[in-house]
Amino acid sequence: MKDYARIGVAYYVVYDPLQQLGNRLLRVHELRGTNDTELVNDLDGTSRFRIDFIERNL
């Protein structure tokens, strides 16, 4: 993840279906200056973003 900050990626999302990083499936990160910051809700620790997945059978 530090590599993303080093090359200047402004935002990225980590999908963690096995929850190896914690109890959330999705984590949204933002580059602020030279710091990589996870965007979470300060009240309950959840993500500030809602992403809906739609399964399509093609």
N, C-alpha and C. Protein backbone atom coordinates (compact mmCIF):
# COMPACT_ATOMS: atom_id res chain seq x y z
N MET A 1 0.82 -1.19 0.00
CA MET A 1 0.00 0.00 0.00
C MET A 1 0.86 1.26 0.00
N LYS A 2 2.03 1.16 0.61
CA LYS A 2 2.92 2.31 0.59
C LYS A 2 3.41 2.60 -0.82
N ASP A 3 3.46 1.56 -1.66
CA ASP A 3 3.85 1.77 -3.06
C ASP A 3 2.85 2.67 -3.77
N TYR A 4 1.55 2.51 -3.48
CA TYR A 4 0.54 3.36 -4.10
C TYR A 4 0.78 4.82 -3.72
N ALA A 5 1.07 5.08 -2.46
CA ALA A 5 1.34 6.45 -2.01
C ALA A 5 2.60 6.98 -2.70
N ARG A 6 3.61 6.14 -2.80
CA ARG A 6 4.89 6.56 -3.40
C ARG A 6 4.71 6.98 -4.85
N ILE A 7 3.84 6.29 -5.60
CA ILE A 7 3.67 6.64 -7.01
C ILE A 7 2.52 7.63 -7.25
N GLY A 8 1.86 8.06 -6.15
CA GLY A 8 0.88 9.13 -6.26
C GLY A 8 -0.54 8.71 -6.57
N VAL A 9 -0.93 7.47 -6.27
CA VAL A 9 -2.31 7.05 -6.49
C VAL A 9 -3.19 7.77 -5.48
N ALA A 10 -4.15 8.56 -5.96
CA ALA A 10 -4.96 9.41 -5.08
C ALA A 10 -5.95 8.62 -4.24
N TYR A 11 -6.60 7.63 -4.83
CA TYR A 11 -7.58 6.80 -4.13
C TYR A 11 -7.40 5.35 -4.59
N TYR A 12 -7.64 4.42 -3.67
CA TYR A 12 -7.72 3.02 -4.07
C TYR A 12 -8.59 2.27 -3.07
N VAL A 13 -9.14 1.16 -3.55
CA VAL A 13 -10.04 0.34 -2.75
C VAL A 13 -9.43 -1.04 -2.61
N VAL A 14 -9.46 -1.57 -1.39
CA VAL A 14 -8.97 -2.92 -1.12
C VAL A 14 -10.18 -3.80 -0.81
N TYR A 15 -10.37 -4.85 -1.61
CA TYR A 15 -11.42 -5.83 -1.37
C TYR A 15 -10.78 -7.01 -0.66
N ASP A 16 -11.25 -7.33 0.53
CA ASP A 16 -10.65 -8.35 1.38
C ASP A 16 -11.71 -9.39 1.76
N PRO A 17 -12.07 -10.29 0.81
CA PRO A 17 -13.17 -11.25 1.06
C PRO A 17 -12.87 -12.22 2.20
N LEU A 18 -11.60 -12.48 2.48
CA LEU A 18 -11.24 -13.39 3.58
C LEU A 18 -11.06 -12.64 4.90
N GLN A 19 -11.22 -11.33 4.85
CA GLN A 19 -11.10 -10.44 6.01
C GLN A 19 -9.79 -10.66 6.76
N GLN A 20 -8.70 -10.69 6.02
CA GLN A 20 -7.38 -10.85 6.60
C GLN A 20 -6.86 -9.56 7.21
N LEU A 21 -7.42 -8.43 6.80
CA LEU A 21 -7.00 -7.13 7.32
C LEU A 21 -7.88 -6.63 8.45
N GLY A 22 -8.95 -7.33 8.75
CA GLY A 22 -9.89 -6.90 9.79
C GLY A 22 -11.29 -7.37 9.44
N ASN A 23 -12.29 -6.72 10.02
CA ASN A 23 -13.66 -7.20 9.87
C ASN A 23 -14.44 -6.54 8.74
N ARG A 24 -13.79 -5.76 7.88
CA ARG A 24 -14.50 -5.13 6.76
C ARG A 24 -14.06 -5.75 5.43
N LEU A 25 -15.04 -5.90 4.54
CA LEU A 25 -14.74 -6.45 3.21
C LEU A 25 -14.05 -5.43 2.31
N LEU A 26 -14.43 -4.16 2.44
CA LEU A 26 -13.89 -3.09 1.60
C LEU A 26 -13.21 -2.03 2.45
N ARG A 27 -12.09 -1.57 1.96
CA ARG A 27 -11.39 -0.46 2.61
C ARG A 27 -11.06 0.56 1.53
N VAL A 28 -11.35 1.82 1.79
CA VAL A 28 -11.08 2.90 0.84
C VAL A 28 -9.96 3.75 1.41
N HIS A 29 -8.93 3.98 0.60
CA HIS A 29 -7.78 4.77 1.03
C HIS A 29 -7.64 6.01 0.16
N GLU A 30 -7.14 7.06 0.76
CA GLU A 30 -6.92 8.33 0.05
C GLU A 30 -5.50 8.80 0.35
N LEU A 31 -4.85 9.35 -0.66
CA LEU A 31 -3.53 9.94 -0.47
C LEU A 31 -3.72 11.40 -0.09
N ARG A 32 -3.24 11.77 1.10
CA ARG A 32 -3.30 13.15 1.58
C ARG A 32 -1.88 13.63 1.78
N GLY A 33 -1.43 14.47 0.86
CA GLY A 33 -0.02 14.88 0.89
C GLY A 33 0.84 13.67 0.58
N THR A 34 1.67 13.28 1.53
CA THR A 34 2.48 12.08 1.35
C THR A 34 1.98 10.92 2.21
N ASN A 35 0.84 11.13 2.88
CA ASN A 35 0.30 10.11 3.77
C ASN A 35 -0.88 9.38 3.14
N ASP A 36 -0.88 8.07 3.31
CA ASP A 36 -1.98 7.23 2.89
C ASP A 36 -2.95 7.12 4.07
N THR A 37 -4.22 7.51 3.87
CA THR A 37 -5.20 7.53 4.95
C THR A 37 -6.39 6.67 4.58
N GLU A 38 -6.80 5.79 5.50
CA GLU A 38 -8.01 5.01 5.27
C GLU A 38 -9.22 5.87 5.61
N LEU A 39 -10.18 5.93 4.71
CA LEU A 39 -11.38 6.73 4.93
C LEU A 39 -12.40 5.89 5.68
N VAL A 40 -12.64 6.24 6.93
CA VAL A 40 -13.61 5.53 7.76
C VAL A 40 -14.49 6.53 8.48
N ASN A 41 -15.66 6.07 8.86
CA ASN A 41 -16.59 6.88 9.65
C ASN A 41 -16.06 6.95 11.07
N ASP A 42 -15.91 8.16 11.60
CA ASP A 42 -15.34 8.33 12.94
C ASP A 42 -16.22 7.76 14.04
N LEU A 43 -17.53 7.64 13.80
CA LEU A 43 -18.43 7.20 14.86
C LEU A 43 -18.42 5.70 15.06
N ASP A 44 -18.47 4.94 13.98
CA ASP A 44 -18.56 3.49 14.14
C ASP A 44 -17.49 2.69 13.41
N GLY A 45 -16.51 3.38 12.82
CA GLY A 45 -15.41 2.69 12.18
C GLY A 45 -15.72 2.09 10.83
N THR A 46 -16.89 2.41 10.27
CA THR A 46 -17.25 1.87 8.96
C THR A 46 -16.77 2.81 7.86
N SER A 47 -16.77 2.30 6.65
CA SER A 47 -16.36 3.10 5.51
C SER A 47 -17.33 4.24 5.26
N ARG A 48 -16.83 5.36 4.78
CA ARG A 48 -17.68 6.50 4.41
C ARG A 48 -18.37 6.28 3.07
N PHE A 49 -17.99 5.23 2.38
CA PHE A 49 -18.49 4.99 1.04
C PHE A 49 -19.39 3.78 1.00
N ARG A 50 -20.35 3.82 0.12
CA ARG A 50 -21.20 2.66 -0.12
C ARG A 50 -20.98 2.22 -1.55
N ILE A 51 -20.65 0.97 -1.68
CA ILE A 51 -20.44 0.40 -3.01
C ILE A 51 -21.37 -0.80 -3.13
N ASP A 52 -22.23 -0.79 -4.12
CA ASP A 52 -23.14 -1.90 -4.35
C ASP A 52 -22.59 -2.81 -5.43
N PHE A 53 -22.61 -4.08 -5.16
CA PHE A 53 -22.20 -5.07 -6.14
C PHE A 53 -23.43 -5.70 -6.78
N ILE A 54 -23.41 -5.79 -8.07
CA ILE A 54 -24.52 -6.40 -8.78
C ILE A 54 -23.94 -7.60 -9.54
N GLU A 55 -24.45 -8.76 -9.20
CA GLU A 55 -23.97 -9.98 -9.86
C GLU A 55 -24.74 -10.17 -11.16
N ARG A 56 -24.01 -10.37 -12.23
CA ARG A 56 -24.64 -10.59 -13.52
C ARG A 56 -24.22 -11.94 -14.05
N ASN A 57 -25.16 -12.69 -14.50
CA ASN A 57 -24.87 -13.95 -15.17
C ASN A 57 -24.86 -13.70 -16.66
N LEU A 58 -23.70 -13.80 -17.25
CA LEU A 58 -23.56 -13.53 -18.68
C LEU A 58 -23.58 -14.78 -19.48
